[in-house]
Amino acid sequence: MKKLLGILVLGLLFCNAGFADDDRAILNCKHKDHNYSYQLIINLDEETMKLFEFGAMKIIEIEETTIRAIDHSDGMKRFLVFERFSGELTHTILYEYDDKVYSSETYICEKAEKVF
């Protein structure tokens, strides 16, 4: 009986470990017009999206087709819009004082696979 209970407990522990990071997606995003890529991390537990070296941005909306995030820093507003079905990511930066577009970049993202 003790062996059966031990097997059951170990089975539950290993089963749970397999789902530990299900709410975090890592994607490789290639610029649509230029030959460079950035990594995008979407963490639904922390409600953040992080593109390359930019700081984590707060997710403000999760819909069936899109995930949107925003950040305000250094006089700029940064937006990330991820299209869930096409994998397209738009990164837009606006000047905070007048909302004029500083830059807008589009990427095509694919889920990154673990190598090891």
C-alpha atoms as a PDB file:
ATOM      1  CA  MET A   1       0.000   0.000   0.000  1.00  0.00           C
ATOM      2  CA  LYS A   2       2.851   2.385   0.857  1.00  0.00           C
ATOM      3  CA  LYS A   3       4.545   1.621  -2.456  1.00  0.00           C
ATOM      4  CA  LEU A   4       1.324   2.347  -4.332  1.00  0.00           C
ATOM      5  CA  LEU A   5       0.902   5.648  -2.494  1.00  0.00           C
ATOM      6  CA  GLY A   6       4.551   6.547  -3.225  1.00  0.00           C
ATOM      7  CA  ILE A   7       4.115   5.813  -6.918  1.00  0.00           C
ATOM      8  CA  LEU A   8       0.930   7.875  -7.005  1.00  0.00           C
ATOM      9  CA  VAL A   9       2.590  10.876  -5.307  1.00  0.00           C
ATOM     10  CA  LEU A  10       5.659  10.723  -7.582  1.00  0.00           C
ATOM     11  CA  GLY A  11       3.424  10.401 -10.624  1.00  0.00           C
ATOM     12  CA  LEU A  12       1.509  13.532  -9.640  1.00  0.00           C
ATOM     13  CA  LEU A  13       4.732  15.457  -9.033  1.00  0.00           C
ATOM     14  CA  PHE A  14       6.164  14.540 -12.436  1.00  0.00           C
ATOM     15  CA  CYS A  15       2.857  15.194 -14.133  1.00  0.00           C
ATOM     16  CA  ASN A  16       2.673  18.701 -12.644  1.00  0.00           C
ATOM     17  CA  ALA A  17       6.283  19.485 -13.634  1.00  0.00           C
ATOM     18  CA  GLY A  18       5.381  19.023 -17.285  1.00  0.00           C
ATOM     19  CA  PHE A  19       2.890  21.869 -17.150  1.00  0.00           C
ATOM     20  CA  ALA A  20       5.013  24.299 -15.127  1.00  0.00           C
ATOM     21  CA  ASP A  21       5.643  26.804 -17.951  1.00  0.00           C
ATOM     22  CA  ASP A  22       2.547  26.367 -20.122  1.00  0.00           C
ATOM     23  CA  ASP A  23       1.591  30.046 -19.747  1.00  0.00           C
ATOM     24  CA  ARG A  24       4.880  31.279 -21.240  1.00  0.00           C
ATOM     25  CA  ALA A  25       5.615  31.283 -24.957  1.00  0.00           C
ATOM     26  CA  ILE A  26       8.983  32.012 -26.559  1.00  0.00           C
ATOM     27  CA  LEU A  27       8.903  33.084 -30.209  1.00  0.00           C
ATOM     28  CA  ASN A  28      11.549  33.985 -32.776  1.00  0.00           C
ATOM     29  CA  CYS A  29      10.398  37.084 -34.651  1.00  0.00           C
ATOM     30  CA  LYS A  30      12.028  37.996 -37.986  1.00  0.00           C
ATOM     31  CA  HIS A  31      11.706  41.567 -39.246  1.00  0.00           C
ATOM     32  CA  LYS A  32       9.431  41.686 -42.281  1.00  0.00           C
ATOM     33  CA  ASP A  33      11.717  43.928 -44.389  1.00  0.00           C
ATOM     34  CA  HIS A  34      15.216  43.497 -42.909  1.00  0.00           C
ATOM     35  CA  ASN A  35      17.374  40.496 -42.136  1.00  0.00           C
ATOM     36  CA  TYR A  36      17.358  40.445 -38.331  1.00  0.00           C
ATOM     37  CA  SER A  37      15.377  38.658 -35.650  1.00  0.00           C
ATOM     38  CA  TYR A  38      14.395  39.291 -32.045  1.00  0.00           C
ATOM     39  CA  GLN A  39      13.044  36.994 -29.383  1.00  0.00           C
ATOM     40  CA  LEU A  40       9.551  37.642 -28.028  1.00  0.00           C
ATOM     41  CA  ILE A  41       8.519  36.220 -24.649  1.00  0.00           C
ATOM     42  CA  ILE A  42       4.818  36.233 -23.780  1.00  0.00           C
ATOM     43  CA  ASN A  43       4.193  35.408 -20.127  1.00  0.00           C
ATOM     44  CA  LEU A  44       0.486  35.081 -19.346  1.00  0.00           C
ATOM     45  CA  ASP A  45       1.135  34.362 -15.632  1.00  0.00           C
ATOM     46  CA  GLU A  46       2.899  37.720 -15.188  1.00  0.00           C
ATOM     47  CA  GLU A  47       0.772  39.383 -17.908  1.00  0.00           C
ATOM     48  CA  THR A  48       3.845  40.678 -19.749  1.00  0.00           C
ATOM     49  CA  MET A  49       5.365  40.678 -23.230  1.00  0.00           C
ATOM     50  CA  LYS A  50       9.092  41.263 -23.747  1.00  0.00           C
ATOM     51  CA  LEU A  51      10.756  41.940 -27.097  1.00  0.00           C
ATOM     52  CA  PHE A  52      14.568  41.641 -27.221  1.00  0.00           C
ATOM     53  CA  GLU A  53      16.351  44.056 -24.865  1.00  0.00           C
ATOM     54  CA  PHE A  54      13.304  46.242 -24.275  1.00  0.00           C
ATOM     55  CA  GLY A  55      11.798  45.982 -20.814  1.00  0.00           C
ATOM     56  CA  ALA A  56       8.752  43.848 -20.120  1.00  0.00           C
ATOM     57  CA  MET A  57       5.530  45.484 -21.246  1.00  0.00           C
ATOM     58  CA  LYS A  58       2.195  45.087 -19.436  1.00  0.00           C
ATOM     59  CA  ILE A  59      -0.431  43.104 -21.336  1.00  0.00           C
ATOM     60  CA  ILE A  60      -3.560  45.245 -21.479  1.00  0.00           C
ATOM     61  CA  GLU A  61      -5.791  43.042 -23.613  1.00  0.00           C
ATOM     62  CA  ILE A  62      -6.025  39.374 -24.555  1.00  0.00           C
ATOM     63  CA  GLU A  63      -8.553  38.526 -27.241  1.00  0.00           C
ATOM     64  CA  GLU A  64      -9.191  35.470 -29.377  1.00  0.00           C
ATOM     65  CA  THR A  65      -7.112  36.907 -32.237  1.00  0.00           C
ATOM     66  CA  THR A  66      -4.714  39.427 -30.608  1.00  0.00           C
ATOM     67  CA  ILE A  67      -2.645  40.158 -27.528  1.00  0.00           C
ATOM     68  CA  ARG A  68      -1.828  43.831 -26.836  1.00  0.00           C
ATOM     69  CA  ALA A  69       0.785  45.295 -24.490  1.00  0.00           C
ATOM     70  CA  ILE A  70       1.874  48.839 -23.610  1.00  0.00           C
ATOM     71  CA  ASP A  71       4.720  50.603 -21.814  1.00  0.00           C
ATOM     72  CA  HIS A  72       5.378  54.260 -20.950  1.00  0.00           C
ATOM     73  CA  SER A  73       9.029  55.238 -20.430  1.00  0.00           C
ATOM     74  CA  ASP A  74      11.528  57.944 -21.386  1.00  0.00           C
ATOM     75  CA  GLY A  75       8.852  60.161 -22.953  1.00  0.00           C
ATOM     76  CA  MET A  76       7.734  57.368 -25.272  1.00  0.00           C
ATOM     77  CA  LYS A  77       4.735  55.038 -25.475  1.00  0.00           C
ATOM     78  CA  ARG A  78       5.565  51.579 -26.796  1.00  0.00           C
ATOM     79  CA  PHE A  79       2.909  49.183 -28.085  1.00  0.00           C
ATOM     80  CA  LEU A  80       3.137  45.516 -29.030  1.00  0.00           C
ATOM     81  CA  VAL A  81       0.296  43.884 -30.954  1.00  0.00           C
ATOM     82  CA  PHE A  82       0.633  40.144 -31.554  1.00  0.00           C
ATOM     83  CA  GLU A  83      -1.729  38.500 -34.053  1.00  0.00           C
ATOM     84  CA  ARG A  84      -2.303  35.024 -32.616  1.00  0.00           C
ATOM     85  CA  PHE A  85      -3.229  33.220 -35.846  1.00  0.00           C
ATOM     86  CA  SER A  86      -0.835  34.790 -38.358  1.00  0.00           C
ATOM     87  CA  GLY A  87       2.105  35.235 -35.952  1.00  0.00           C
ATOM     88  CA  GLU A  88       2.522  38.875 -37.021  1.00  0.00           C
ATOM     89  CA  LEU A  89       3.923  41.245 -34.397  1.00  0.00           C
ATOM     90  CA  THR A  90       3.746  45.036 -34.683  1.00  0.00           C
ATOM     91  CA  HIS A  91       6.022  47.144 -32.458  1.00  0.00           C
ATOM     92  CA  THR A  92       5.029  50.828 -32.492  1.00  0.00           C
ATOM     93  CA  ILE A  93       6.729  53.662 -30.600  1.00  0.00           C
ATOM     94  CA  LEU A  94       5.013  57.054 -30.181  1.00  0.00           C
ATOM     95  CA  TYR A  95       6.233  60.310 -28.689  1.00  0.00           C
ATOM     96  CA  GLU A  96       4.278  60.673 -25.461  1.00  0.00           C
ATOM     97  CA  TYR A  97       3.799  64.447 -25.666  1.00  0.00           C
ATOM     98  CA  ASP A  98       2.046  64.530 -29.069  1.00  0.00           C
ATOM     99  CA  ASP A  99       1.363  60.851 -30.015  1.00  0.00           C
ATOM    100  CA  LYS A 100       3.303  61.139 -33.293  1.00  0.00           C
ATOM    101  CA  VAL A 101       4.817  57.895 -34.542  1.00  0.00           C
ATOM    102  CA  TYR A 102       8.542  57.563 -33.853  1.00  0.00           C
ATOM    103  CA  SER A 103       8.771  54.112 -35.436  1.00  0.00           C
ATOM    104  CA  SER A 104       6.629  51.151 -36.382  1.00  0.00           C
ATOM    105  CA  GLU A 105       8.147  47.752 -37.163  1.00  0.00           C
ATOM    106  CA  THR A 106       6.493  44.509 -38.258  1.00  0.00           C
ATOM    107  CA  TYR A 107       7.803  41.016 -37.572  1.00  0.00           C
ATOM    108  CA  ILE A 108       6.730  37.483 -38.438  1.00  0.00           C
ATOM    109  CA  CYS A 109       7.017  35.189 -35.412  1.00  0.00           C
ATOM    110  CA  GLU A 110       7.355  31.446 -35.070  1.00  0.00           C
ATOM    111  CA  LYS A 111       7.383  29.396 -31.909  1.00  0.00           C
ATOM    112  CA  ALA A 112      10.918  28.656 -30.766  1.00  0.00           C
ATOM    113  CA  GLU A 113      11.744  25.003 -30.204  1.00  0.00           C
ATOM    114  CA  LYS A 114      13.950  23.816 -27.349  1.00  0.00           C
ATOM    115  CA  VAL A 115      17.291  22.489 -28.562  1.00  0.00           C
ATOM    116  CA  PHE A 116      18.238  20.757 -25.326  1.00  0.00           C
END
